[in-house]
Amino acid sequence: MNIKVLSIALIGAALSFTACKKETAKEEDAVVEIKDTTAVITPSADSIVVTTETPAEAEVKTVTASGKITEINKGKDGYTAKFKGEDGKSYAATISIPNLKDAKQYRAIKVGDKITVTGEPTNIEEEVLIKVTELQP
């Protein structure tokens, strides 16, 4: 009986040792060296061009539109006045002191007033948005 118990214990020990055998992770370098393979081209004195002229300022397109105000939306530092122009187009004029050439032109307006503005246009769908630079009396 002792031999049976001893052989069972040995078989159990052998199984447990083989079951517990773990593969440890391979050690990898903490730092991977990366070699720079980019080429640096040094220009020769013959290929360098020096320009002393300043580029001309881009010409800013402006439009002038007049019409009767139909809606006013107040903003942070001004307001947007929507109106139907005399040409039949819908306009939204953004009027604020920082955008005006002369801050003294800034004034309060109300729905129904006639307005004439000049500024930089942006077409948004069917409406023309104007960043007003001049608000005419």
C-alpha atoms as a PDB file:
ATOM      1  CA  MET A   1       0.000   0.000   0.000  1.00  0.00           C
ATOM      2  CA  ASN A   2       2.873   2.366   0.734  1.00  0.00           C
ATOM      3  CA  ILE A   3       4.182   1.800  -2.744  1.00  0.00           C
ATOM      4  CA  LYS A   4       0.820   2.732  -4.273  1.00  0.00           C
ATOM      5  CA  VAL A   5       0.608   5.919  -2.207  1.00  0.00           C
ATOM      6  CA  LEU A   6       4.194   6.787  -2.992  1.00  0.00           C
ATOM      7  CA  SER A   7       3.740   6.176  -6.742  1.00  0.00           C
ATOM      8  CA  ILE A   8       0.534   8.264  -6.770  1.00  0.00           C
ATOM      9  CA  ALA A   9       2.371  11.059  -4.940  1.00  0.00           C
ATOM     10  CA  LEU A  10       5.240  10.919  -7.454  1.00  0.00           C
ATOM     11  CA  ILE A  11       2.858  11.009 -10.419  1.00  0.00           C
ATOM     12  CA  GLY A  12       0.995  13.944  -8.838  1.00  0.00           C
ATOM     13  CA  ALA A  13       4.255  15.805  -8.217  1.00  0.00           C
ATOM     14  CA  ALA A  14       5.421  15.178 -11.781  1.00  0.00           C
ATOM     15  CA  LEU A  15       2.126  16.448 -13.179  1.00  0.00           C
ATOM     16  CA  SER A  16       2.179  19.542 -11.004  1.00  0.00           C
ATOM     17  CA  PHE A  17       5.751  20.397 -12.029  1.00  0.00           C
ATOM     18  CA  THR A  18       4.959  20.039 -15.721  1.00  0.00           C
ATOM     19  CA  ALA A  19       1.703  22.005 -15.362  1.00  0.00           C
ATOM     20  CA  CYS A  20       3.427  24.865 -13.526  1.00  0.00           C
ATOM     21  CA  LYS A  21       6.167  25.244 -16.049  1.00  0.00           C
ATOM     22  CA  LYS A  22       5.815  28.797 -17.303  1.00  0.00           C
ATOM     23  CA  GLU A  23       7.560  30.481 -20.123  1.00  0.00           C
ATOM     24  CA  THR A  24       8.964  33.741 -18.936  1.00  0.00           C
ATOM     25  CA  ALA A  25       8.735  36.763 -21.177  1.00  0.00           C
ATOM     26  CA  LYS A  26      11.748  37.483 -23.253  1.00  0.00           C
ATOM     27  CA  GLU A  27      13.673  40.510 -22.195  1.00  0.00           C
ATOM     28  CA  GLU A  28      13.672  43.306 -24.735  1.00  0.00           C
ATOM     29  CA  ASP A  29      15.781  46.388 -24.841  1.00  0.00           C
ATOM     30  CA  ALA A  30      14.126  49.327 -23.120  1.00  0.00           C
ATOM     31  CA  VAL A  31      15.446  51.704 -25.749  1.00  0.00           C
ATOM     32  CA  VAL A  32      15.195  51.056 -29.446  1.00  0.00           C
ATOM     33  CA  GLU A  33      17.776  52.844 -31.513  1.00  0.00           C
ATOM     34  CA  ILE A  34      16.374  54.580 -34.578  1.00  0.00           C
ATOM     35  CA  LYS A  35      18.789  55.585 -37.272  1.00  0.00           C
ATOM     36  CA  ASP A  36      18.161  58.807 -39.177  1.00  0.00           C
ATOM     37  CA  THR A  37      18.104  58.067 -42.881  1.00  0.00           C
ATOM     38  CA  THR A  38      16.930  61.459 -44.121  1.00  0.00           C
ATOM     39  CA  ALA A  39      19.172  63.319 -46.471  1.00  0.00           C
ATOM     40  CA  VAL A  40      20.010  66.949 -45.862  1.00  0.00           C
ATOM     41  CA  ILE A  41      20.546  68.993 -48.974  1.00  0.00           C
ATOM     42  CA  THR A  42      22.632  72.083 -48.476  1.00  0.00           C
ATOM     43  CA  PRO A  43      21.890  74.751 -51.063  1.00  0.00           C
ATOM     44  CA  SER A  44      24.803  76.223 -52.901  1.00  0.00           C
ATOM     45  CA  ALA A  45      25.278  79.978 -53.186  1.00  0.00           C
ATOM     46  CA  ASP A  46      24.191  79.785 -56.838  1.00  0.00           C
ATOM     47  CA  SER A  47      20.746  78.405 -55.997  1.00  0.00           C
ATOM     48  CA  ILE A  48      19.775  80.972 -53.343  1.00  0.00           C
ATOM     49  CA  VAL A  49      17.466  83.731 -54.571  1.00  0.00           C
ATOM     50  CA  VAL A  50      16.909  86.796 -52.408  1.00  0.00           C
ATOM     51  CA  THR A  51      13.795  88.858 -53.077  1.00  0.00           C
ATOM     52  CA  THR A  52      13.606  92.371 -51.708  1.00  0.00           C
ATOM     53  CA  GLU A  53      10.195  93.263 -53.121  1.00  0.00           C
ATOM     54  CA  THR A  54       7.214  93.082 -50.789  1.00  0.00           C
ATOM     55  CA  PRO A  55       4.199  91.209 -52.128  1.00  0.00           C
ATOM     56  CA  ALA A  56       1.283  93.393 -53.159  1.00  0.00           C
ATOM     57  CA  GLU A  57      -1.624  93.317 -50.755  1.00  0.00           C
ATOM     58  CA  ALA A  58      -4.517  91.226 -51.924  1.00  0.00           C
ATOM     59  CA  GLU A  59      -7.305  93.362 -53.229  1.00  0.00           C
ATOM     60  CA  VAL A  60     -10.305  93.137 -50.924  1.00  0.00           C
ATOM     61  CA  LYS A  61     -13.648  92.965 -52.693  1.00  0.00           C
ATOM     62  CA  THR A  62     -16.317  95.250 -51.267  1.00  0.00           C
ATOM     63  CA  VAL A  63     -20.005  95.656 -51.996  1.00  0.00           C
ATOM     64  CA  THR A  64     -22.537  98.335 -51.146  1.00  0.00           C
ATOM     65  CA  ALA A  65     -26.121  97.314 -50.459  1.00  0.00           C
ATOM     66  CA  SER A  66     -29.250  99.191 -49.412  1.00  0.00           C
ATOM     67  CA  GLY A  67     -32.578  97.981 -48.157  1.00  0.00           C
ATOM     68  CA  LYS A  68     -35.247  97.959 -45.460  1.00  0.00           C
ATOM     69  CA  ILE A  69     -34.384  96.099 -42.237  1.00  0.00           C
ATOM     70  CA  THR A  70     -36.547  93.049 -41.507  1.00  0.00           C
ATOM     71  CA  GLU A  71     -34.722  91.542 -38.508  1.00  0.00           C
ATOM     72  CA  ILE A  72     -32.031  92.464 -35.952  1.00  0.00           C
ATOM     73  CA  ASN A  73     -29.967  89.959 -33.932  1.00  0.00           C
ATOM     74  CA  LYS A  74     -27.834  91.434 -31.154  1.00  0.00           C
ATOM     75  CA  GLY A  75     -24.347  90.022 -30.699  1.00  0.00           C
ATOM     76  CA  LYS A  76     -21.380  90.373 -28.356  1.00  0.00           C
ATOM     77  CA  ASP A  77     -19.981  93.631 -29.743  1.00  0.00           C
ATOM     78  CA  GLY A  78     -22.602  94.688 -32.276  1.00  0.00           C
ATOM     79  CA  TYR A  79     -25.547  93.296 -34.187  1.00  0.00           C
ATOM     80  CA  THR A  80     -26.549  91.611 -37.424  1.00  0.00           C
ATOM     81  CA  ALA A  81     -29.211  93.365 -39.461  1.00  0.00           C
ATOM     82  CA  LYS A  82     -31.065  91.297 -42.049  1.00  0.00           C
ATOM     83  CA  PHE A  83     -32.628  93.124 -44.958  1.00  0.00           C
ATOM     84  CA  LYS A  84     -33.911  92.634 -48.486  1.00  0.00           C
ATOM     85  CA  GLY A  85     -31.765  94.647 -50.873  1.00  0.00           C
ATOM     86  CA  GLU A  86     -33.063  96.920 -53.591  1.00  0.00           C
ATOM     87  CA  ASP A  87     -31.558  94.392 -56.025  1.00  0.00           C
ATOM     88  CA  GLY A  88     -33.831  91.650 -54.609  1.00  0.00           C
ATOM     89  CA  LYS A  89     -31.091  89.727 -52.753  1.00  0.00           C
ATOM     90  CA  SER A  90     -31.244  88.858 -49.051  1.00  0.00           C
ATOM     91  CA  TYR A  91     -28.461  90.378 -46.950  1.00  0.00           C
ATOM     92  CA  ALA A  92     -27.211  89.924 -43.400  1.00  0.00           C
ATOM     93  CA  ALA A  93     -24.995  92.849 -42.389  1.00  0.00           C
ATOM     94  CA  THR A  94     -22.737  92.306 -39.374  1.00  0.00           C
ATOM     95  CA  ILE A  95     -22.237  95.733 -37.819  1.00  0.00           C
ATOM     96  CA  SER A  96     -19.732  96.174 -34.983  1.00  0.00           C
ATOM     97  CA  ILE A  97     -17.429  98.972 -33.841  1.00  0.00           C
ATOM     98  CA  PRO A  98     -14.179  96.974 -34.360  1.00  0.00           C
ATOM     99  CA  ASN A  99     -15.053  96.296 -38.027  1.00  0.00           C
ATOM    100  CA  LEU A 100     -16.032  99.871 -38.926  1.00  0.00           C
ATOM    101  CA  LYS A 101     -13.381 102.153 -40.435  1.00  0.00           C
ATOM    102  CA  ASP A 102     -14.801 105.016 -38.349  1.00  0.00           C
ATOM    103  CA  ALA A 103     -16.264 104.041 -34.959  1.00  0.00           C
ATOM    104  CA  LYS A 104     -18.421 107.189 -35.014  1.00  0.00           C
ATOM    105  CA  GLN A 105     -20.523 105.590 -37.765  1.00  0.00           C
ATOM    106  CA  TYR A 106     -21.878 103.005 -35.305  1.00  0.00           C
ATOM    107  CA  ARG A 107     -25.498 103.644 -34.370  1.00  0.00           C
ATOM    108  CA  ALA A 108     -28.560 101.783 -33.213  1.00  0.00           C
ATOM    109  CA  ILE A 109     -31.104 100.880 -35.845  1.00  0.00           C
ATOM    110  CA  LYS A 110     -34.512  99.246 -35.687  1.00  0.00           C
ATOM    111  CA  VAL A 111     -36.723  97.052 -37.847  1.00  0.00           C
ATOM    112  CA  GLY A 112     -38.216  99.082 -40.675  1.00  0.00           C
ATOM    113  CA  ASP A 113     -35.273 101.519 -41.003  1.00  0.00           C
ATOM    114  CA  LYS A 114     -33.604 101.936 -44.392  1.00  0.00           C
ATOM    115  CA  ILE A 115     -29.914 101.059 -44.292  1.00  0.00           C
ATOM    116  CA  THR A 116     -26.959 101.413 -46.672  1.00  0.00           C
ATOM    117  CA  VAL A 117     -23.801  99.450 -45.872  1.00  0.00           C
ATOM    118  CA  THR A 118     -20.437  98.817 -47.507  1.00  0.00           C
ATOM    119  CA  GLY A 119     -18.213  95.881 -46.639  1.00  0.00           C
ATOM    120  CA  GLU A 120     -16.650  92.533 -47.463  1.00  0.00           C
ATOM    121  CA  PRO A 121     -19.190  89.998 -48.793  1.00  0.00           C
ATOM    122  CA  THR A 122     -19.509  86.273 -48.150  1.00  0.00           C
ATOM    123  CA  ASN A 123     -22.188  84.261 -49.934  1.00  0.00           C
ATOM    124  CA  ILE A 124     -23.974  81.798 -47.659  1.00  0.00           C
ATOM    125  CA  GLU A 125     -26.593  79.780 -49.531  1.00  0.00           C
ATOM    126  CA  GLU A 126     -29.163  82.320 -50.738  1.00  0.00           C
ATOM    127  CA  GLU A 127     -28.074  85.084 -48.353  1.00  0.00           C
ATOM    128  CA  VAL A 128     -25.122  87.460 -48.715  1.00  0.00           C
ATOM    129  CA  LEU A 129     -23.290  88.102 -45.434  1.00  0.00           C
ATOM    130  CA  ILE A 130     -21.517  91.480 -45.298  1.00  0.00           C
ATOM    131  CA  LYS A 131     -18.854  92.360 -42.721  1.00  0.00           C
ATOM    132  CA  VAL A 132     -19.666  96.069 -42.622  1.00  0.00           C
ATOM    133  CA  THR A 133     -16.763  98.534 -42.826  1.00  0.00           C
ATOM    134  CA  GLU A 134     -18.900 101.616 -43.572  1.00  0.00           C
ATOM    135  CA  LEU A 135     -22.375 102.370 -42.236  1.00  0.00           C
ATOM    136  CA  GLN A 136     -23.858 105.268 -44.156  1.00  0.00           C
ATOM    137  CA  PRO A 137     -26.342 107.657 -42.525  1.00  0.00           C
END
